[in-house]
Protein backbone atom coordinates (compact mmCIF):
# COMPACT_ATOMS: atom_id res chain seq x y z
CA MET A 1 68.66 75.17 99.46
CA ILE A 2 72.54 74.34 100.22
CA THR A 3 74.50 76.74 100.58
CA MET A 4 78.44 76.81 99.73
CA ASP A 5 78.91 76.64 103.62
CA ASP A 6 77.57 73.69 104.23
CA PHE A 7 78.88 72.16 100.90
CA ASP A 8 82.15 73.03 102.20
CA LYS A 9 81.08 71.09 105.32
CA VAL A 10 80.30 67.83 103.93
CA GLN A 11 83.50 67.81 101.67
CA ILE A 12 85.38 68.00 104.83
CA MET A 13 83.68 64.86 106.49
CA LEU A 14 84.36 63.06 103.50
CA GLY A 15 87.48 63.45 103.38
CA ARG A 16 87.17 65.93 100.28
CA ASN A 17 85.87 63.41 97.96
CA GLY A 18 84.07 64.77 95.04
CA LYS A 19 84.88 67.27 92.03
CA PRO A 20 86.68 70.38 93.89
CA ARG A 21 85.64 73.79 93.08
CA PRO A 22 88.37 76.04 91.82
CA LYS A 23 89.24 78.65 94.10
CA GLN A 24 91.10 82.33 93.55
CA HIS A 25 92.76 83.73 96.90
CA PHE A 26 94.63 86.98 97.48
CA PHE A 27 96.97 86.40 100.32
CA THR A 28 98.18 89.77 101.06
CA TYR A 29 101.80 89.53 102.04
CA THR A 30 102.90 86.49 99.17
CA GLY A 31 106.00 87.95 97.48
CA LEU A 32 106.75 89.96 100.11
CA MET A 33 108.81 87.90 102.44
CA LYS A 34 111.83 85.50 101.74
CA CYS A 35 113.16 82.60 104.39
CA GLY A 36 115.49 83.91 106.72
CA GLU A 37 117.50 81.05 106.79
CA CYS A 38 117.20 79.68 102.64
CA GLY A 39 116.31 82.88 100.79
CA CYS A 40 113.16 81.15 98.91
CA ALA A 41 109.94 82.90 98.78
CA ILE A 42 107.50 82.38 101.56
CA THR A 43 103.66 81.68 100.17
CA ALA A 44 100.49 80.97 101.78
CA CYS A 45 97.51 78.46 102.05
CA GLU A 46 94.38 78.23 102.97
CA LYS A 47 92.80 75.27 105.02
CA THR A 48 89.64 75.05 106.25
CA LYS A 49 88.64 73.30 109.75
CA ILE A 50 85.22 72.49 111.36
CA ILE A 51 85.07 73.49 114.89
CA LYS A 52 83.76 70.61 116.90
CA THR A 53 81.62 72.46 119.39
CA THR A 54 80.13 75.18 116.90
CA GLY A 55 79.87 73.10 114.19
CA GLN A 56 80.66 76.31 112.10
CA LEU A 57 83.50 75.97 109.34
CA LYS A 58 86.37 78.44 109.76
CA LYS A 59 89.26 78.95 107.55
CA TYR A 60 92.83 79.71 108.18
CA THR A 61 95.54 81.25 106.34
CA PHE A 62 99.39 79.83 106.79
CA TYR A 63 102.70 81.57 105.71
CA TYR A 64 105.58 78.87 104.97
CA CYS A 65 109.00 78.57 103.25
CA THR A 66 108.33 77.22 100.02
CA ARG A 67 112.07 75.80 99.93
CA ARG A 68 111.89 75.91 95.88
CA LYS A 69 115.42 76.71 95.42
CA ALA A 70 118.21 73.98 94.63
CA GLY A 71 119.98 72.85 97.66
CA THR A 72 117.55 74.48 99.72
CA GLU A 73 115.94 70.91 100.69
CA ASN A 74 117.54 70.49 103.91
CA CYS A 75 115.82 74.35 105.18
CA THR A 76 114.72 73.80 108.98
CA GLN A 77 112.30 76.30 108.73
CA LYS A 78 109.18 74.03 108.42
CA LYS A 79 106.85 75.75 110.99
CA VAL A 80 104.43 77.45 109.62
CA ILE A 81 102.96 80.88 110.41
CA THR A 82 99.28 82.21 111.22
CA LEU A 83 98.09 85.25 109.87
CA GLU A 84 97.02 86.54 112.98
CA GLU A 85 100.43 85.80 114.21
CA LEU A 86 102.28 87.76 111.38
CA GLU A 87 99.92 90.45 111.63
CA SER A 88 100.83 90.80 115.28
CA GLN A 89 103.78 91.19 114.41
CA ILE A 90 103.38 93.84 112.04
CA SER A 91 101.17 95.53 114.33
CA THR A 92 104.21 95.54 116.93
CA GLU A 93 106.30 97.29 114.21
CA LEU A 94 104.07 100.13 113.41
CA GLU A 95 103.51 100.69 117.16
CA LYS A 96 106.98 102.16 116.96
CA VAL A 97 106.20 104.40 114.29
CA THR A 98 103.05 105.46 114.70
CA ILE A 99 102.45 108.94 115.65
CA SER A 100 99.40 111.07 116.91
CA ASP A 101 97.97 114.28 115.03
CA THR A 102 99.93 116.41 118.07
CA PHE A 103 102.71 115.05 117.18
CA LYS A 104 102.71 115.75 113.29
CA GLU A 105 101.33 119.16 114.00
CA MET A 106 104.62 119.70 116.25
CA ALA A 107 107.00 117.95 114.09
CA LEU A 108 105.96 119.91 110.91
CA GLU A 109 105.92 123.15 112.61
CA ALA A 110 109.78 122.57 114.18
CA ILE A 111 110.57 121.15 110.38
CA GLN A 112 109.08 124.05 108.53
CA GLU A 113 111.27 126.63 111.39
CA ASP A 114 114.36 124.39 110.51
CA TYR A 115 114.69 124.54 106.92
CA ALA A 116 113.94 128.27 107.26
CA VAL A 117 117.10 128.23 109.14
CA ILE A 118 118.62 126.42 106.49
CA ALA A 119 117.56 128.36 103.81
CA ARG A 120 118.91 131.04 105.51
CA GLU A 121 122.12 129.74 105.50
CA GLU A 122 121.65 129.14 102.04
CA GLN A 123 120.38 132.35 101.00
CA ALA A 124 123.67 133.49 100.06
CA ILE A 125 124.47 131.46 97.66
CA TYR A 126 121.35 132.05 96.03
CA ASP A 127 121.74 135.73 95.72
CA SER A 128 124.95 135.11 94.61
CA GLN A 129 123.59 132.89 91.75
CA LEU A 130 120.85 135.79 91.04
CA ARG A 131 123.57 138.12 90.63
CA GLU A 132 125.68 136.29 88.45
CA LEU A 133 122.99 135.29 86.22
CA SER A 134 121.84 139.01 85.95
CA THR A 135 125.47 140.26 85.24
CA LEU A 136 125.07 137.63 82.22
CA GLU A 137 122.04 138.55 81.10
CA THR A 138 123.33 142.30 81.02
CA GLU A 139 126.45 141.29 79.00
CA LEU A 140 124.28 139.80 76.44
CA ARG A 141 122.58 142.98 75.57
CA ASN A 142 125.50 144.96 75.38
CA ILE A 143 127.40 141.92 72.89
CA PHE A 144 124.12 142.69 70.71
CA GLN A 145 124.13 146.82 70.99
CA MET A 146 128.70 145.84 69.65
CA ARG A 147 127.53 144.07 67.15
CA ILE A 148 125.05 146.44 65.96
CA GLY A 149 127.70 149.29 66.78
CA GLY A 150 130.08 147.36 64.38
CA ARG A 151 132.32 146.89 67.15
CA ILE A 152 132.48 142.99 66.69
CA ASP A 153 131.85 140.45 64.08
CA ASP A 154 129.43 138.00 63.73
CA GLU A 155 131.83 135.10 64.22
CA LYS A 156 132.97 136.84 67.96
CA TYR A 157 129.21 137.66 68.31
CA ALA A 158 127.96 134.10 68.12
CA GLU A 159 131.09 133.17 70.19
CA GLU A 160 130.64 135.34 73.40
CA THR A 161 127.08 134.87 72.73
CA ASN A 162 126.83 130.99 73.38
CA ILE A 163 129.50 130.80 76.06
CA ARG A 164 126.55 133.54 78.06
CA GLU A 165 123.49 131.55 76.96
CA ASP A 166 125.30 127.78 78.12
CA LYS A 167 125.93 129.85 81.43
CA ILE A 168 122.39 131.09 81.52
CA VAL A 169 120.96 127.81 80.77
CA ARG A 170 122.66 126.14 83.23
CA LEU A 171 122.75 128.90 86.32
CA LYS A 172 118.65 128.93 85.49
CA ALA A 173 118.24 125.46 85.76
CA LEU A 174 120.55 124.89 88.78
CA ILE A 175 118.07 128.30 90.33
CA GLU A 176 115.16 126.08 89.69
CA ASP A 177 116.04 123.01 91.23
CA LYS A 178 116.89 124.35 94.62
CA GLU A 179 113.43 125.83 94.29
CA GLU A 180 111.80 122.59 93.12
CA SER A 181 114.26 120.49 95.52
CA ALA A 182 112.75 122.22 98.72
CA ARG A 183 109.48 122.64 97.78
CA ARG A 184 109.74 118.70 96.99
CA THR A 185 111.20 118.00 99.81
CA MET A 186 109.13 119.53 102.47
CA LYS A 187 106.03 117.84 100.56
CA GLU A 188 107.67 114.45 101.02
CA ILE A 189 108.58 114.91 104.64
CA GLY A 190 104.65 116.12 104.79
CA ASP A 191 103.57 113.20 102.98
CA LYS A 192 105.52 110.81 105.29
CA PHE A 193 103.82 112.41 108.77
CA THR A 194 100.69 112.64 107.38
CA HIS A 195 101.31 109.03 106.66
CA ALA A 196 102.23 107.73 110.03
CA THR A 197 99.75 109.16 111.55
CA ARG A 198 97.41 106.56 113.72
CA LEU A 199 99.39 104.26 111.59
CA LYS A 200 98.09 101.34 112.82
CA GLU A 201 94.78 101.89 113.69
CA LYS A 202 95.09 102.68 109.85
CA PHE A 203 96.58 98.75 109.26
CA GLU A 204 94.19 97.16 111.53
CA LYS A 205 90.72 98.98 110.16
CA GLY A 206 91.92 98.80 106.66
CA THR A 207 91.18 96.51 103.53
CA LEU A 208 94.04 94.02 102.37
CA GLU A 209 95.16 96.06 100.13
CA ASP A 210 95.63 99.03 102.68
CA LYS A 211 97.69 96.54 104.74
CA LYS A 212 99.36 95.67 102.23
CA GLY A 213 100.54 98.87 101.31
CA ILE A 214 101.31 100.06 104.92
CA PHE A 215 103.33 96.73 105.27
CA ILE A 216 105.39 98.46 102.18
CA SER A 217 105.97 101.12 103.12
CA LEU A 218 107.61 100.08 106.36
CA GLY A 219 110.99 98.87 104.54
CA GLY A 220 111.91 95.83 102.15
CA ASN A 221 113.93 92.74 102.16
CA CYS A 222 111.63 91.59 104.87
CA THR A 223 112.20 87.82 106.31
CA LEU A 224 110.83 84.87 108.21
CA LYS A 225 112.96 82.91 110.56
CA ASP A 226 111.71 80.76 113.27
CA LYS A 227 108.46 82.33 112.64
CA LYS A 228 109.84 86.05 113.53
CA LEU A 229 109.36 88.71 111.22
CA SER A 230 112.50 90.57 110.34
CA ILE A 231 112.07 94.23 108.33
CA ASN A 232 114.72 96.38 106.44
CA LYS A 233 113.07 99.25 107.43
CA HIS A 234 113.13 102.89 105.55
CA HIS A 235 115.34 105.33 106.13
CA TRP A 236 112.40 107.69 107.44
CA VAL A 237 111.02 104.47 109.79
CA THR A 238 113.57 104.60 111.60
CA SER A 239 114.00 108.27 112.16
CA ILE A 240 110.72 108.53 113.46
CA GLU A 241 111.36 105.19 115.28
CA LYS A 242 114.72 106.62 117.04
CA TYR A 243 112.91 109.96 118.72
CA LYS A 244 109.11 108.74 118.85
CA ASP A 245 109.49 107.61 122.49
CA VAL A 246 110.62 110.86 123.67
CA ILE A 247 109.05 113.08 122.15
CA ASP A 248 105.43 110.87 123.31
CA VAL A 249 106.96 111.81 127.20
CA HIS A 250 106.04 115.72 126.38
CA ILE A 251 102.75 114.71 124.72
CA SER A 252 99.35 113.46 124.82
CA PRO A 253 98.11 111.99 121.73
CA TYR A 254 94.28 113.31 121.80
CA GLU A 255 95.08 116.35 123.96
CA PRO A 256 94.92 120.17 122.15
CA VAL A 257 97.44 122.17 122.85
CA THR A 258 96.56 124.60 125.93
CA PRO A 259 98.78 127.46 126.81
CA SER A 260 100.19 125.06 129.80
CA VAL A 261 101.14 122.05 127.20
CA GLN A 262 102.64 125.14 124.55
CA ILE A 263 104.95 126.48 127.85
CA GLU A 264 105.90 122.80 128.51
CA LYS A 265 106.69 121.91 125.02
CA GLU A 266 108.70 125.42 124.56
CA ALA A 267 110.21 124.44 127.64
CA TYR A 268 111.69 121.48 125.74
CA ALA A 269 112.15 122.75 122.52
CA PRO A 270 115.75 123.52 123.09
CA SER A 271 116.74 119.53 123.27
CA SER A 272 114.03 118.45 120.73
CA ILE A 273 115.38 116.92 117.82
CA PHE A 274 112.96 118.72 116.05
CA LEU A 275 114.66 122.05 115.77
CA ARG A 276 118.17 120.35 116.60
CA GLY A 277 118.42 117.44 115.49
CA ARG A 278 117.09 118.46 111.81
CA TRP A 279 114.90 115.33 111.18
CA ASP A 280 116.44 113.42 108.14
CA LEU A 281 113.59 111.76 106.34
CA ASN A 282 114.64 112.58 102.81
CA PRO A 283 113.69 109.47 100.42
CA ARG A 284 117.14 107.36 99.84
CA PRO A 285 117.36 104.52 97.34
CA LEU A 286 116.35 101.16 98.88
CA PRO A 287 118.34 98.57 100.38
């Protein structure tokens, strides 16, 4: 029985004569990059070649500029980049942001401490808002008693009640938003560090969809020029990149935290960006 690979070999040997079989391809990175020179989309194609020494059929995927926009006919970006070359560059970028489990644990612990400091600084404001809320609720009860006692009429009662109820609604929303914002921020930061943990390994061992998602997570406005990948990185990526090498010098990516290692970390902590720099990993609008 003739296999599909055998059929393809014969088609190639015959110069692809005969009716071609329809194929559907999933190119991981199409739609995610533009040409760095002309701004056209980067597309991909698959080529098949027979290795003469082995007789095996080998498939190659290439990415290249489409040059389909009007006025881009003179774009000089005519060289193609192989999938392997492209993913090698992506892996290099991932290496810059990939952190160890120890790094993640240290970072999250330090950020918790840092946010505790911020929380104490803002506690006075929070307490003031709670006192104001309590005062408004007391005033509402007093106004109600005044109306029951006939000391104010319906019009005055409605006016004073509406003023305080509006203030209470706004104040409660402000307090709830502050509490929810803190919880949301901590979760988002935790999610980012979890995502960055062993990120390069996840990419190299992942499915096509996994690889696409990881690539997207690095940033946007990606371009290819002269076979070089450029990424406009998200803020959380550049934040980790900025300090990763400095911290990695002081920790082993796979060692458990022993007392001696803990002493070294504590000695280093005063100048650590964890506790003094306040990691700024909050999401920001993408460019």
